Amino acid sequence: MSAPALSVAAQHRLNPRKLLLSKWTAVQPQNREKHFLVSQLFCDEDGALLHIELQAVHSQGSQRLDWRGLQDSEHWQIGWQ
């Protein structure tokens, strides 16, 4: 028996092609960084999305993560809250 995936209520449905410049809010902000913007998309040779770069609005700092990580509503909310 495999481990259960995130419940539907705990997931955001995302279209990878619409992520660029989308706005996100961290559920648990760190270093006063709460609001983020998807500033860059990283794709493989076939054009499939692998990673995104999130840029913090407050500090302009950035971090790269797997784009599917944004589906976890325990860490991210769509839009600026």
PDB file of N, CA and C in Angstrom:
ATOM      1  N   MET A   1       0.853  -1.185   0.000  1.00  0.00           N
ATOM      2  CA  MET A   1       0.000   0.000   0.000  1.00  0.00           C
ATOM      3  C   MET A   1       0.891   1.237   0.000  1.00  0.00           C
ATOM      4  N   SER A   2       0.655   2.136  -0.894  1.00  0.00           N
ATOM      5  CA  SER A   2       1.498   3.327  -1.012  1.00  0.00           C
ATOM      6  C   SER A   2       1.033   4.416  -0.055  1.00  0.00           C
ATOM      7  N   ALA A   3       1.935   5.344   0.221  1.00  0.00           N
ATOM      8  CA  ALA A   3       1.602   6.471   1.101  1.00  0.00           C
ATOM      9  C   ALA A   3       0.592   7.366   0.406  1.00  0.00           C
ATOM     10  N   PRO A   4      -0.385   7.876   1.141  1.00  0.00           N
ATOM     11  CA  PRO A   4      -1.395   8.733   0.507  1.00  0.00           C
ATOM     12  C   PRO A   4      -0.800  10.066   0.080  1.00  0.00           C
ATOM     13  N   ALA A   5      -1.273  10.556  -1.024  1.00  0.00           N
ATOM     14  CA  ALA A   5      -0.864  11.884  -1.497  1.00  0.00           C
ATOM     15  C   ALA A   5      -1.594  12.931  -0.673  1.00  0.00           C
ATOM     16  N   LEU A   6      -1.239  14.184  -0.871  1.00  0.00           N
ATOM     17  CA  LEU A   6      -1.944  15.258  -0.186  1.00  0.00           C
ATOM     18  C   LEU A   6      -3.425  15.181  -0.509  1.00  0.00           C
ATOM     19  N   SER A   7      -4.254  15.464   0.467  1.00  0.00           N
ATOM     20  CA  SER A   7      -5.691  15.445   0.206  1.00  0.00           C
ATOM     21  C   SER A   7      -6.047  16.553  -0.777  1.00  0.00           C
ATOM     22  N   VAL A   8      -7.160  16.380  -1.447  1.00  0.00           N
ATOM     23  CA  VAL A   8      -7.592  17.371  -2.435  1.00  0.00           C
ATOM     24  C   VAL A   8      -7.771  18.729  -1.777  1.00  0.00           C
ATOM     25  N   ALA A   9      -8.246  18.759  -0.540  1.00  0.00           N
ATOM     26  CA  ALA A   9      -8.450  20.028   0.158  1.00  0.00           C
ATOM     27  C   ALA A   9      -7.127  20.716   0.465  1.00  0.00           C
ATOM     28  N   ALA A  10      -6.036  19.953   0.541  1.00  0.00           N
ATOM     29  CA  ALA A  10      -4.740  20.527   0.887  1.00  0.00           C
ATOM     30  C   ALA A  10      -3.900  20.835  -0.347  1.00  0.00           C
ATOM     31  N   GLN A  11      -4.485  20.722  -1.528  1.00  0.00           N
ATOM     32  CA  GLN A  11      -3.749  20.970  -2.759  1.00  0.00           C
ATOM     33  C   GLN A  11      -4.351  22.126  -3.537  1.00  0.00           C
ATOM     34  N   HIS A  12      -3.474  22.846  -4.222  1.00  0.00           N
ATOM     35  CA  HIS A  12      -3.904  23.851  -5.186  1.00  0.00           C
ATOM     36  C   HIS A  12      -3.771  23.204  -6.559  1.00  0.00           C
ATOM     37  N   ARG A  13      -4.725  23.408  -7.423  1.00  0.00           N
ATOM     38  CA  ARG A  13      -4.607  22.920  -8.800  1.00  0.00           C
ATOM     39  C   ARG A  13      -3.874  23.991  -9.593  1.00  0.00           C
ATOM     40  N   LEU A  14      -2.753  23.613 -10.172  1.00  0.00           N
ATOM     41  CA  LEU A  14      -1.910  24.577 -10.868  1.00  0.00           C
ATOM     42  C   LEU A  14      -1.722  24.198 -12.323  1.00  0.00           C
ATOM     43  N   ASN A  15      -1.669  25.212 -13.156  1.00  0.00           N
ATOM     44  CA  ASN A  15      -1.321  25.043 -14.555  1.00  0.00           C
ATOM     45  C   ASN A  15       0.108  25.569 -14.701  1.00  0.00           C
ATOM     46  N   PRO A  16       1.086  24.705 -14.966  1.00  0.00           N
ATOM     47  CA  PRO A  16       2.484  25.148 -15.040  1.00  0.00           C
ATOM     48  C   PRO A  16       2.724  26.289 -16.017  1.00  0.00           C
ATOM     49  N   ARG A  17       1.926  26.365 -17.080  1.00  0.00           N
ATOM     50  CA  ARG A  17       2.127  27.416 -18.083  1.00  0.00           C
ATOM     51  C   ARG A  17       1.687  28.786 -17.578  1.00  0.00           C
ATOM     52  N   LYS A  18       0.930  28.844 -16.493  1.00  0.00           N
ATOM     53  CA  LYS A  18       0.429  30.125 -15.991  1.00  0.00           C
ATOM     54  C   LYS A  18       1.124  30.565 -14.706  1.00  0.00           C
ATOM     55  N   LEU A  19       2.213  29.917 -14.333  1.00  0.00           N
ATOM     56  CA  LEU A  19       2.886  30.245 -13.081  1.00  0.00           C
ATOM     57  C   LEU A  19       3.742  31.509 -13.152  1.00  0.00           C
ATOM     58  N   LEU A  20       4.319  31.803 -14.303  1.00  0.00           N
ATOM     59  CA  LEU A  20       5.224  32.950 -14.407  1.00  0.00           C
ATOM     60  C   LEU A  20       4.510  34.233 -13.992  1.00  0.00           C
ATOM     61  N   LEU A  21       5.133  34.974 -13.073  1.00  0.00           N
ATOM     62  CA  LEU A  21       4.644  36.234 -12.508  1.00  0.00           C
ATOM     63  C   LEU A  21       3.416  36.063 -11.612  1.00  0.00           C
ATOM     64  N   SER A  22       3.096  34.820 -11.233  1.00  0.00           N
ATOM     65  CA  SER A  22       1.988  34.625 -10.294  1.00  0.00           C
ATOM     66  C   SER A  22       2.443  35.010  -8.886  1.00  0.00           C
ATOM     67  N   LYS A  23       1.483  35.381  -8.037  1.00  0.00           N
ATOM     68  CA  LYS A  23       1.761  35.881  -6.692  1.00  0.00           C
ATOM     69  C   LYS A  23       1.396  34.819  -5.663  1.00  0.00           C
ATOM     70  N   TRP A  24       2.247  34.708  -4.629  1.00  0.00           N
ATOM     71  CA  TRP A  24       2.069  33.694  -3.595  1.00  0.00           C
ATOM     72  C   TRP A  24       2.343  34.279  -2.221  1.00  0.00           C
ATOM     73  N   THR A  25       1.665  33.735  -1.209  1.00  0.00           N
ATOM     74  CA  THR A  25       1.862  34.141   0.178  1.00  0.00           C
ATOM     75  C   THR A  25       2.347  32.937   0.969  1.00  0.00           C
ATOM     76  N   ALA A  26       3.427  33.130   1.723  1.00  0.00           N
ATOM     77  CA  ALA A  26       3.926  32.070   2.598  1.00  0.00           C
ATOM     78  C   ALA A  26       3.009  31.970   3.814  1.00  0.00           C
ATOM     79  N   VAL A  27       2.569  30.768   4.146  1.00  0.00           N
ATOM     80  CA  VAL A  27       1.692  30.564   5.302  1.00  0.00           C
ATOM     81  C   VAL A  27       2.465  30.837   6.588  1.00  0.00           C
ATOM     82  N   GLN A  28       3.744  30.452   6.624  1.00  0.00           N
ATOM     83  CA  GLN A  28       4.602  30.695   7.782  1.00  0.00           C
ATOM     84  C   GLN A  28       5.806  31.520   7.326  1.00  0.00           C
ATOM     85  N   PRO A  29       5.652  32.854   7.288  1.00  0.00           N
ATOM     86  CA  PRO A  29       6.737  33.720   6.800  1.00  0.00           C
ATOM     87  C   PRO A  29       8.009  33.586   7.636  1.00  0.00           C
ATOM     88  N   GLN A  30       9.141  33.704   6.975  1.00  0.00           N
ATOM     89  CA  GLN A  30      10.434  33.699   7.641  1.00  0.00           C
ATOM     90  C   GLN A  30      11.200  34.940   7.211  1.00  0.00           C
ATOM     91  N   ASN A  31      11.893  35.569   8.150  1.00  0.00           N
ATOM     92  CA  ASN A  31      12.687  36.777   7.881  1.00  0.00           C
ATOM     93  C   ASN A  31      11.854  37.884   7.242  1.00  0.00           C
ATOM     94  N   ARG A  32      10.622  38.043   7.713  1.00  0.00           N
ATOM     95  CA  ARG A  32       9.702  39.072   7.221  1.00  0.00           C
ATOM     96  C   ARG A  32       9.407  38.923   5.729  1.00  0.00           C
ATOM     97  N   GLU A  33       9.622  37.737   5.184  1.00  0.00           N
ATOM     98  CA  GLU A  33       9.325  37.474   3.780  1.00  0.00           C
ATOM     99  C   GLU A  33       8.025  36.693   3.705  1.00  0.00           C
ATOM    100  N   LYS A  34       6.968  37.387   3.320  1.00  0.00           N
ATOM    101  CA  LYS A  34       5.637  36.788   3.267  1.00  0.00           C
ATOM    102  C   LYS A  34       5.117  36.696   1.835  1.00  0.00           C
ATOM    103  N   HIS A  35       5.343  37.723   1.050  1.00  0.00           N
ATOM    104  CA  HIS A  35       4.815  37.776  -0.313  1.00  0.00           C
ATOM    105  C   HIS A  35       5.908  37.471  -1.331  1.00  0.00           C
ATOM    106  N   PHE A  36       5.550  36.631  -2.304  1.00  0.00           N
ATOM    107  CA  PHE A  36       6.502  36.173  -3.313  1.00  0.00           C
ATOM    108  C   PHE A  36       5.890  36.263  -4.699  1.00  0.00           C
ATOM    109  N   LEU A  37       6.770  36.346  -5.684  1.00  0.00           N
ATOM    110  CA  LEU A  37       6.390  36.393  -7.089  1.00  0.00           C
ATOM    111  C   LEU A  37       7.206  35.328  -7.823  1.00  0.00           C
ATOM    112  N   VAL A  38       6.573  34.550  -8.678  1.00  0.00           N
ATOM    113  CA  VAL A  38       7.308  33.577  -9.492  1.00  0.00           C
ATOM    114  C   VAL A  38       8.023  34.369 -10.583  1.00  0.00           C
ATOM    115  N   SER A  39       9.345  34.456 -10.474  1.00  0.00           N
ATOM    116  CA  SER A  39      10.113  35.318 -11.373  1.00  0.00           C
ATOM    117  C   SER A  39      10.752  34.579 -12.544  1.00  0.00           C
ATOM    118  N   GLN A  40      10.876  33.253 -12.434  1.00  0.00           N
ATOM    119  CA  GLN A  40      11.530  32.515 -13.514  1.00  0.00           C
ATOM    120  C   GLN A  40      11.053  31.066 -13.501  1.00  0.00           C
ATOM    121  N   LEU A  41      10.996  30.465 -14.692  1.00  0.00           N
ATOM    122  CA  LEU A  41      10.638  29.058 -14.851  1.00  0.00           C
ATOM    123  C   LEU A  41      11.844  28.311 -15.403  1.00  0.00           C
ATOM    124  N   PHE A  42      12.110  27.126 -14.887  1.00  0.00           N
ATOM    125  CA  PHE A  42      13.215  26.292 -15.354  1.00  0.00           C
ATOM    126  C   PHE A  42      12.637  25.004 -15.929  1.00  0.00           C
ATOM    127  N   CYS A  43      12.866  24.788 -17.219  1.00  0.00           N
ATOM    128  CA  CYS A  43      12.298  23.639 -17.935  1.00  0.00           C
ATOM    129  C   CYS A  43      13.408  22.706 -18.413  1.00  0.00           C
ATOM    130  N   ASP A  44      13.032  21.452 -18.693  1.00  0.00           N
ATOM    131  CA  ASP A  44      13.990  20.517 -19.280  1.00  0.00           C
ATOM    132  C   ASP A  44      14.058  20.727 -20.796  1.00  0.00           C
ATOM    133  N   GLU A  45      14.825  19.879 -21.479  1.00  0.00           N
ATOM    134  CA  GLU A  45      15.016  20.028 -22.923  1.00  0.00           C
ATOM    135  C   GLU A  45      13.715  19.884 -23.703  1.00  0.00           C
ATOM    136  N   ASP A  46      12.765  19.150 -23.134  1.00  0.00           N
ATOM    137  CA  ASP A  46      11.481  18.923 -23.802  1.00  0.00           C
ATOM    138  C   ASP A  46      10.449  19.998 -23.479  1.00  0.00           C
ATOM    139  N   GLY A  47      10.819  20.950 -22.636  1.00  0.00           N
ATOM    140  CA  GLY A  47       9.905  22.026 -22.286  1.00  0.00           C
ATOM    141  C   GLY A  47       9.040  21.756 -21.072  1.00  0.00           C
ATOM    142  N   ALA A  48       9.261  20.627 -20.399  1.00  0.00           N
ATOM    143  CA  ALA A  48       8.489  20.312 -19.192  1.00  0.00           C
ATOM    144  C   ALA A  48       9.039  21.117 -18.016  1.00  0.00           C
ATOM    145  N   LEU A  49       8.154  21.735 -17.263  1.00  0.00           N
ATOM    146  CA  LEU A  49       8.557  22.558 -16.127  1.00  0.00           C
ATOM    147  C   LEU A  49       9.123  21.693 -15.011  1.00  0.00           C
ATOM    148  N   LEU A  50      10.293  22.075 -14.490  1.00  0.00           N
ATOM    149  CA  LEU A  50      10.945  21.351 -13.407  1.00  0.00           C
ATOM    150  C   LEU A  50      10.955  22.157 -12.119  1.00  0.00           C
ATOM    151  N   HIS A  51      11.432  23.398 -12.195  1.00  0.00           N
ATOM    152  CA  HIS A  51      11.594  24.250 -11.020  1.00  0.00           C
ATOM    153  C   HIS A  51      11.117  25.667 -11.324  1.00  0.00           C
ATOM    154  N   ILE A  52      10.883  26.405 -10.251  1.00  0.00           N
ATOM    155  CA  ILE A  52      10.555  27.823 -10.374  1.00  0.00           C
ATOM    156  C   ILE A  52      11.486  28.614  -9.470  1.00  0.00           C
ATOM    157  N   GLU A  53      11.602  29.899  -9.747  1.00  0.00           N
ATOM    158  CA  GLU A  53      12.313  30.794  -8.847  1.00  0.00           C
ATOM    159  C   GLU A  53      11.285  31.732  -8.238  1.00  0.00           C
ATOM    160  N   LEU A  54      11.242  31.740  -6.902  1.00  0.00           N
ATOM    161  CA  LEU A  54      10.356  32.639  -6.169  1.00  0.00           C
ATOM    162  C   LEU A  54      11.178  33.807  -5.667  1.00  0.00           C
ATOM    163  N   GLN A  55      10.708  35.014  -5.906  1.00  0.00           N
ATOM    164  CA  GLN A  55      11.401  36.212  -5.441  1.00  0.00           C
ATOM    165  C   GLN A  55      10.557  36.873  -4.364  1.00  0.00           C
ATOM    166  N   ALA A  56      11.183  37.136  -3.212  1.00  0.00           N
ATOM    167  CA  ALA A  56      10.498  37.804  -2.112  1.00  0.00           C
ATOM    168  C   ALA A  56      10.308  39.277  -2.455  1.00  0.00           C
ATOM    169  N   VAL A  57       9.117  39.787  -2.227  1.00  0.00           N
ATOM    170  CA  VAL A  57       8.818  41.181  -2.537  1.00  0.00           C
ATOM    171  C   VAL A  57       9.565  42.107  -1.581  1.00  0.00           C
ATOM    172  N   HIS A  58       9.645  41.746  -0.303  1.00  0.00           N
ATOM    173  CA  HIS A  58      10.248  42.607   0.716  1.00  0.00           C
ATOM    174  C   HIS A  58      11.760  42.756   0.532  1.00  0.00           C
ATOM    175  N   SER A  59      12.458  41.640   0.378  1.00  0.00           N
ATOM    176  CA  SER A  59      13.923  41.675   0.359  1.00  0.00           C
ATOM    177  C   SER A  59      14.536  41.486  -1.027  1.00  0.00           C
ATOM    178  N   GLN A  60      13.735  41.129  -2.018  1.00  0.00           N
ATOM    179  CA  GLN A  60      14.201  40.803  -3.365  1.00  0.00           C
ATOM    180  C   GLN A  60      15.049  39.533  -3.394  1.00  0.00           C
ATOM    181  N   GLY A  61      15.144  38.822  -2.262  1.00  0.00           N
ATOM    182  CA  GLY A  61      15.855  37.547  -2.238  1.00  0.00           C
ATOM    183  C   GLY A  61      15.076  36.510  -3.022  1.00  0.00           C
ATOM    184  N   SER A  62      15.775  35.502  -3.513  1.00  0.00           N
ATOM    185  CA  SER A  62      15.082  34.494  -4.311  1.00  0.00           C
ATOM    186  C   SER A  62      15.468  33.098  -3.858  1.00  0.00           C
ATOM    187  N   GLN A  63      14.597  32.170  -4.184  1.00  0.00           N
ATOM    188  CA  GLN A  63      14.833  30.764  -3.887  1.00  0.00           C
ATOM    189  C   GLN A  63      14.269  29.928  -5.024  1.00  0.00           C
ATOM    190  N   ARG A  64      14.917  28.816  -5.279  1.00  0.00           N
ATOM    191  CA  ARG A  64      14.454  27.908  -6.331  1.00  0.00           C
ATOM    192  C   ARG A  64      13.829  26.694  -5.657  1.00  0.00           C
ATOM    193  N   LEU A  65      12.675  26.272  -6.178  1.00  0.00           N
ATOM    194  CA  LEU A  65      12.045  25.078  -5.660  1.00  0.00           C
ATOM    195  C   LEU A  65      11.259  24.365  -6.744  1.00  0.00           C
ATOM    196  N   ASP A  66      10.932  23.116  -6.468  1.00  0.00           N
ATOM    197  CA  ASP A  66      10.101  22.329  -7.376  1.00  0.00           C
ATOM    198  C   ASP A  66       8.746  23.013  -7.471  1.00  0.00           C
ATOM    199  N   TRP A  67       8.232  23.210  -8.663  1.00  0.00           N
ATOM    200  CA  TRP A  67       6.984  23.951  -8.842  1.00  0.00           C
ATOM    201  C   TRP A  67       5.821  23.265  -8.148  1.00  0.00           C
ATOM    202  N   ARG A  68       5.887  21.953  -7.968  1.00  0.00           N
ATOM    203  CA  ARG A  68       4.798  21.236  -7.310  1.00  0.00           C
ATOM    204  C   ARG A  68       4.700  21.573  -5.825  1.00  0.00           C
ATOM    205  N   GLY A  69       5.764  22.145  -5.266  1.00  0.00           N
ATOM    206  CA  GLY A  69       5.736  22.552  -3.864  1.00  0.00           C
ATOM    207  C   GLY A  69       4.687  23.617  -3.589  1.00  0.00           C
ATOM    208  N   LEU A  70       4.331  24.393  -4.597  1.00  0.00           N
ATOM    209  CA  LEU A  70       3.301  25.420  -4.424  1.00  0.00           C
ATOM    210  C   LEU A  70       1.916  24.821  -4.226  1.00  0.00           C
ATOM    211  N   GLN A  71       1.742  23.543  -4.520  1.00  0.00           N
ATOM    212  CA  GLN A  71       0.448  22.892  -4.356  1.00  0.00           C
ATOM    213  C   GLN A  71       0.124  22.611  -2.897  1.00  0.00           C
ATOM    214  N   ASP A  72       1.109  22.693  -2.019  1.00  0.00           N
ATOM    215  CA  ASP A  72       0.907  22.395  -0.602  1.00  0.00           C
ATOM    216  C   ASP A  72       0.332  23.618   0.108  1.00  0.00           C
ATOM    217  N   SER A  73      -0.946  23.574   0.443  1.00  0.00           N
ATOM    218  CA  SER A  73      -1.608  24.726   1.063  1.00  0.00           C
ATOM    219  C   SER A  73      -1.191  24.935   2.515  1.00  0.00           C
ATOM    220  N   GLU A  74      -0.427  24.011   3.082  1.00  0.00           N
ATOM    221  CA  GLU A  74       0.106  24.226   4.427  1.00  0.00           C
ATOM    222  C   GLU A  74       1.297  25.182   4.394  1.00  0.00           C
ATOM    223  N   HIS A  75       1.877  25.387   3.206  1.00  0.00           N
ATOM    224  CA  HIS A  75       3.033  26.270   3.067  1.00  0.00           C
ATOM    225  C   HIS A  75       2.763  27.494   2.198  1.00  0.00           C
ATOM    226  N   TRP A  76       1.864  27.373   1.208  1.00  0.00           N
ATOM    227  CA  TRP A  76       1.643  28.449   0.247  1.00  0.00           C
ATOM    228  C   TRP A  76       0.168  28.708   0.014  1.00  0.00           C
ATOM    229  N   GLN A  77      -0.169  29.992  -0.162  1.00  0.00           N
ATOM    230  CA  GLN A  77      -1.512  30.405  -0.557  1.00  0.00           C
ATOM    231  C   GLN A  77      -1.399  31.177  -1.868  1.00  0.00           C
ATOM    232  N   ILE A  78      -2.360  30.967  -2.751  1.00  0.00           N
ATOM    233  CA  ILE A  78      -2.372  31.676  -4.022  1.00  0.00           C
ATOM    234  C   ILE A  78      -2.725  33.141  -3.785  1.00  0.00           C
ATOM    235  N   GLY A  79      -2.002  34.039  -4.424  1.00  0.00           N
ATOM    236  CA  GLY A  79      -2.261  35.473  -4.283  1.00  0.00           C
ATOM    237  C   GLY A  79      -1.578  36.045  -3.052  1.00  0.00           C
ATOM    238  N   TRP A  80      -1.738  37.341  -2.864  1.00  0.00           N
ATOM    239  CA  TRP A  80      -1.169  38.016  -1.694  1.00  0.00           C
ATOM    240  C   TRP A  80      -2.271  38.218  -0.681  1.00  0.00           C
ATOM    241  N   GLN A  81      -2.135  37.574   0.446  1.00  0.00           N
ATOM    242  CA  GLN A  81      -3.142  37.619   1.515  1.00  0.00           C
ATOM    243  C   GLN A  81      -2.779  38.673   2.549  1.00  0.00           C
TER     244      GLN A  81
END
